[in-house]
Amino acid sequence: MQTKDKIPLLLKCWIGLEFLENLQIGLYDWQRTDLVGQFYPEDLPSDWLLDYYSNAFRVVLVPQSEWIAWESSDLDAIIEAVEAPFYFYFVVEEYFTAEDLSQLLQVVETLGAQACGVVVWSEKPFEHPKIVGLPVTLISTQYKLPGWAWQNQGFWMSGEPLAYLPNLTGDAKEQVIILKAFMQSLLESDCVKKELAAPCIVGGDVIDMVQVMNLKVLSEFLGY
């Protein structure tokens, strides 16, 4: 893909290329259709999306429906599209199969150090601290993995530190409260790896990019 030289300079100037050391804001799925028009230009080719995305963010959460279908050519294109540091986290369905694990292992081995973690939603006891060698973040209303844990919007996130915000508020004061609470949970935990920035993933049925960019600016202003 000959894309990096075609990404508008305006985007690079607007976002800047200085990224946070302690916290990384990102999205659940860079290929969301609701991002077209409000984030991606409407005429941007689909195979340029990750190039464009990675100039604004350095972390992404990938749905299982996407990584399960990746072939070698897809992985080659992904590696070409992003520049380090860039971090991938992967959703793994609660009832994963051996075939799912085999595919994820191939993805992880190809991406190397850029593959950083797994996210599992479960309302039943779940006790896997790692999947294919990657640390697990469990999201549940009632269950927690040992180690780090943080509660927000009725959900516990535990295990590998990762904040998931399915309903991001547009209120700046409330965003600050969320960011401070998440960062405080990291400071209070003895299980957090200080060398890797903690991801804060915005998801939900619809993402408002104005709110996401406000969150990113606030996190930078707070020094995170």
Protein backbone atom coordinates (compact mmCIF):
# COMPACT_ATOMS: atom_id res chain seq x y z
CA MET A 1 0.00 0.00 0.00
CA GLN A 2 1.42 3.35 -1.00
CA THR A 3 -0.47 5.29 1.61
CA LYS A 4 1.72 7.03 4.13
CA ASP A 5 2.74 9.70 1.64
CA LYS A 6 -0.91 10.28 0.75
CA ILE A 7 -2.31 10.82 4.26
CA PRO A 8 -3.20 14.51 4.53
CA LEU A 9 -0.54 16.58 6.23
CA LEU A 10 -3.35 18.38 8.04
CA LEU A 11 -4.16 15.24 10.05
CA LYS A 12 -0.55 14.91 11.22
CA CYS A 13 -0.42 18.56 12.24
CA TRP A 14 -3.79 18.34 14.00
CA ILE A 15 -3.00 15.22 16.02
CA GLY A 16 0.73 15.70 16.41
CA LEU A 17 3.17 12.83 16.61
CA GLU A 18 3.90 13.00 20.34
CA PHE A 19 2.11 10.14 22.08
CA LEU A 20 1.45 9.53 25.73
CA GLU A 21 3.79 7.45 27.87
CA ASN A 22 1.31 6.34 30.54
CA LEU A 23 -2.03 6.22 28.72
CA GLN A 24 -3.09 5.53 25.14
CA ILE A 25 -6.54 6.44 23.83
CA GLY A 26 -7.88 4.17 21.08
CA LEU A 27 -11.02 2.76 19.51
CA TYR A 28 -12.82 -0.56 19.35
CA ASP A 29 -12.33 -1.43 15.65
CA TRP A 30 -10.66 0.96 13.23
CA GLN A 31 -12.99 -0.18 10.40
CA ARG A 32 -16.25 1.07 11.93
CA THR A 33 -18.70 2.50 9.40
CA ASP A 34 -19.76 5.25 11.82
CA LEU A 35 -16.27 6.76 11.56
CA VAL A 36 -16.66 7.56 7.87
CA GLY A 37 -17.42 11.23 7.40
CA GLN A 38 -16.73 12.26 11.01
CA PHE A 39 -13.17 10.88 11.15
CA TYR A 40 -12.26 9.22 7.87
CA PRO A 41 -12.78 11.22 4.66
CA GLU A 42 -15.69 9.73 2.74
CA ASP A 43 -13.51 9.05 -0.30
CA LEU A 44 -10.71 7.32 1.65
CA PRO A 45 -10.10 3.81 0.22
CA SER A 46 -10.77 1.00 2.68
CA ASP A 47 -7.18 -0.26 2.51
CA TRP A 48 -5.94 3.15 3.70
CA LEU A 49 -8.00 3.21 6.90
CA LEU A 50 -5.35 1.76 9.22
CA ASP A 51 -2.68 4.12 7.87
CA TYR A 52 -4.97 7.04 8.61
CA TYR A 53 -6.02 5.69 12.00
CA SER A 54 -2.45 5.05 13.14
CA ASN A 55 -1.55 8.69 12.57
CA ALA A 56 -4.11 9.64 15.23
CA PHE A 57 -3.95 6.73 17.66
CA ARG A 58 -1.40 4.15 18.77
CA VAL A 59 -3.68 1.44 20.12
CA VAL A 60 -6.73 -0.43 18.82
CA LEU A 61 -9.03 -3.20 20.03
CA VAL A 62 -9.79 -5.67 17.22
CA PRO A 63 -13.09 -7.63 17.17
CA GLN A 64 -12.80 -11.40 16.82
CA SER A 65 -14.93 -11.24 13.67
CA GLU A 66 -12.06 -9.35 12.04
CA TRP A 67 -8.87 -11.05 13.23
CA ILE A 68 -10.40 -14.49 12.73
CA ALA A 69 -10.55 -13.77 8.98
CA TRP A 70 -7.06 -12.30 8.58
CA GLU A 71 -4.84 -14.09 6.09
CA SER A 72 -1.11 -13.72 5.54
CA SER A 73 -1.66 -10.96 2.98
CA ASP A 74 -3.84 -9.05 5.46
CA LEU A 75 -1.17 -9.28 8.13
CA ASP A 76 1.49 -8.08 5.71
CA ALA A 77 -0.67 -5.06 4.86
CA ILE A 78 -1.27 -4.34 8.56
CA ILE A 79 2.45 -4.43 9.34
CA GLU A 80 3.12 -2.08 6.42
CA ALA A 81 0.36 0.32 7.50
CA VAL A 82 1.57 1.02 11.05
CA GLU A 83 4.80 2.29 12.50
CA ALA A 84 6.05 1.35 15.95
CA PRO A 85 5.02 2.00 18.61
CA PHE A 86 1.55 0.69 17.79
CA TYR A 87 -0.36 -1.82 19.91
CA PHE A 88 -3.06 -4.34 19.04
CA TYR A 89 -5.47 -5.85 21.57
CA PHE A 90 -7.83 -8.63 20.51
CA VAL A 91 -11.36 -9.52 21.53
CA VAL A 92 -11.73 -13.24 22.17
CA GLU A 93 -15.22 -14.66 22.49
CA GLU A 94 -15.97 -16.37 25.79
CA TYR A 95 -16.39 -19.80 24.20
CA PHE A 96 -13.33 -19.87 21.96
CA THR A 97 -12.32 -22.98 20.03
CA ALA A 98 -8.98 -24.61 19.28
CA GLU A 99 -9.27 -23.28 15.72
CA ASP A 100 -9.79 -19.75 17.09
CA LEU A 101 -6.66 -20.08 19.22
CA SER A 102 -4.64 -21.40 16.29
CA GLN A 103 -5.62 -18.39 14.17
CA LEU A 104 -4.91 -15.94 17.01
CA LEU A 105 -1.53 -17.54 17.65
CA GLN A 106 -0.59 -17.01 14.01
CA VAL A 107 -1.67 -13.37 14.24
CA VAL A 108 0.30 -12.84 17.45
CA GLU A 109 3.44 -14.49 16.11
CA THR A 110 3.28 -12.33 12.98
CA LEU A 111 2.69 -9.04 14.79
CA GLY A 112 5.25 -9.81 17.48
CA ALA A 113 5.63 -7.14 20.17
CA GLN A 114 2.77 -5.13 18.66
CA ALA A 115 0.31 -7.81 19.87
CA CYS A 116 -0.23 -6.85 23.50
CA GLY A 117 -3.35 -8.36 25.03
CA VAL A 118 -6.71 -10.11 24.88
CA VAL A 119 -10.10 -8.81 26.05
CA VAL A 120 -12.88 -11.19 27.11
CA TRP A 121 -16.44 -10.31 28.14
CA SER A 122 -17.91 -12.95 30.46
CA GLU A 123 -20.76 -13.22 32.93
CA LYS A 124 -19.57 -16.64 34.03
CA PRO A 125 -16.41 -17.46 36.00
CA PHE A 126 -13.39 -17.03 33.75
CA GLU A 127 -9.96 -17.95 35.05
CA HIS A 128 -7.55 -17.69 32.12
CA PRO A 129 -4.90 -15.04 32.92
CA LYS A 130 -3.35 -15.56 29.48
CA ILE A 131 -4.48 -16.69 26.03
CA VAL A 132 -1.84 -17.70 23.44
CA GLY A 133 0.72 -16.05 25.68
CA LEU A 134 -1.05 -12.68 25.83
CA PRO A 135 -2.38 -11.26 29.12
CA VAL A 136 -6.16 -11.15 29.49
CA THR A 137 -8.44 -8.29 30.49
CA LEU A 138 -11.76 -9.63 31.77
CA ILE A 139 -14.82 -7.37 31.51
CA SER A 140 -17.75 -8.49 33.67
CA THR A 141 -20.44 -7.08 35.93
CA GLN A 142 -19.54 -9.51 38.72
CA TYR A 143 -16.35 -11.50 38.09
CA LYS A 144 -12.73 -10.39 38.38
CA LEU A 145 -9.33 -11.82 37.56
CA PRO A 146 -6.60 -11.58 40.21
CA GLY A 147 -4.48 -8.45 40.30
CA TRP A 148 -5.51 -5.10 38.88
CA ALA A 149 -9.22 -4.20 38.82
CA TRP A 150 -11.26 -1.08 38.04
CA GLN A 151 -15.02 -0.52 37.93
CA ASN A 152 -16.78 1.88 35.56
CA GLN A 153 -20.30 2.12 34.16
CA GLY A 154 -21.33 -1.02 36.04
CA PHE A 155 -18.52 -3.20 34.69
CA TRP A 156 -15.39 -4.55 36.33
CA MET A 157 -12.26 -4.57 34.21
CA SER A 158 -9.58 -6.81 35.70
CA GLY A 159 -6.38 -8.68 34.98
CA GLU A 160 -4.35 -6.80 32.36
CA PRO A 161 -5.01 -3.06 32.75
CA LEU A 162 -7.33 -1.78 30.02
CA ALA A 163 -10.15 0.73 30.29
CA TYR A 164 -13.18 0.15 28.07
CA LEU A 165 -15.67 3.00 27.70
CA PRO A 166 -18.84 1.85 25.87
CA ASN A 167 -20.76 5.06 26.56
CA LEU A 168 -18.31 7.95 26.51
CA THR A 169 -19.77 11.08 28.03
CA GLY A 170 -19.42 14.38 26.23
CA ASP A 171 -19.07 16.27 29.49
CA ALA A 172 -15.44 17.34 29.97
CA LYS A 173 -15.64 17.25 33.78
CA GLU A 174 -16.99 13.71 33.72
CA GLN A 175 -14.28 12.68 31.26
CA VAL A 176 -11.64 14.06 33.63
CA ILE A 177 -13.15 12.09 36.52
CA ILE A 178 -13.01 8.87 34.46
CA LEU A 179 -9.42 9.44 33.38
CA LYS A 180 -8.26 10.25 36.90
CA ALA A 181 -10.05 7.23 38.37
CA PHE A 182 -8.50 4.87 35.82
CA MET A 183 -5.00 6.28 36.31
CA GLN A 184 -5.40 6.13 40.09
CA SER A 185 -6.30 2.44 39.83
CA LEU A 186 -2.99 1.87 38.05
CA LEU A 187 -1.03 3.73 40.68
CA GLU A 188 -2.64 1.71 43.45
CA SER A 189 -1.92 -1.65 41.81
CA ASP A 190 1.33 -3.55 42.32
CA CYS A 191 0.57 -5.68 39.26
CA VAL A 192 0.83 -3.00 36.57
CA LYS A 193 3.73 -3.16 34.12
CA LYS A 194 5.06 0.38 34.14
CA GLU A 195 6.95 0.01 30.86
CA LEU A 196 3.79 -0.24 28.70
CA ALA A 197 1.21 2.53 28.42
CA ALA A 198 -2.25 1.45 29.55
CA PRO A 199 -4.91 1.48 26.79
CA CYS A 200 -8.19 3.35 27.16
CA ILE A 201 -10.57 2.04 24.50
CA VAL A 202 -13.71 3.87 23.41
CA GLY A 203 -16.43 1.60 22.01
CA GLY A 204 -20.18 1.26 21.98
CA ASP A 205 -22.78 1.10 19.21
CA VAL A 206 -21.87 4.57 17.93
CA ILE A 207 -18.68 6.54 18.52
CA ASP A 208 -18.67 10.34 18.55
CA MET A 209 -15.20 11.38 17.42
CA VAL A 210 -15.56 14.88 18.84
CA GLN A 211 -15.94 13.33 22.28
CA VAL A 212 -13.02 10.96 21.65
CA MET A 213 -10.71 13.77 20.60
CA ASN A 214 -11.81 15.79 23.64
CA LEU A 215 -10.86 12.81 25.79
CA LYS A 216 -7.46 12.59 24.11
CA VAL A 217 -6.78 16.30 24.59
CA LEU A 218 -7.83 16.13 28.23
CA SER A 219 -5.56 13.14 28.87
CA GLU A 220 -2.64 15.05 27.40
CA PHE A 221 -3.51 18.15 29.42
CA LEU A 222 -3.56 16.06 32.59
CA GLY A 223 -0.09 14.76 31.76
CA TYR A 224 -1.11 11.16 31.15
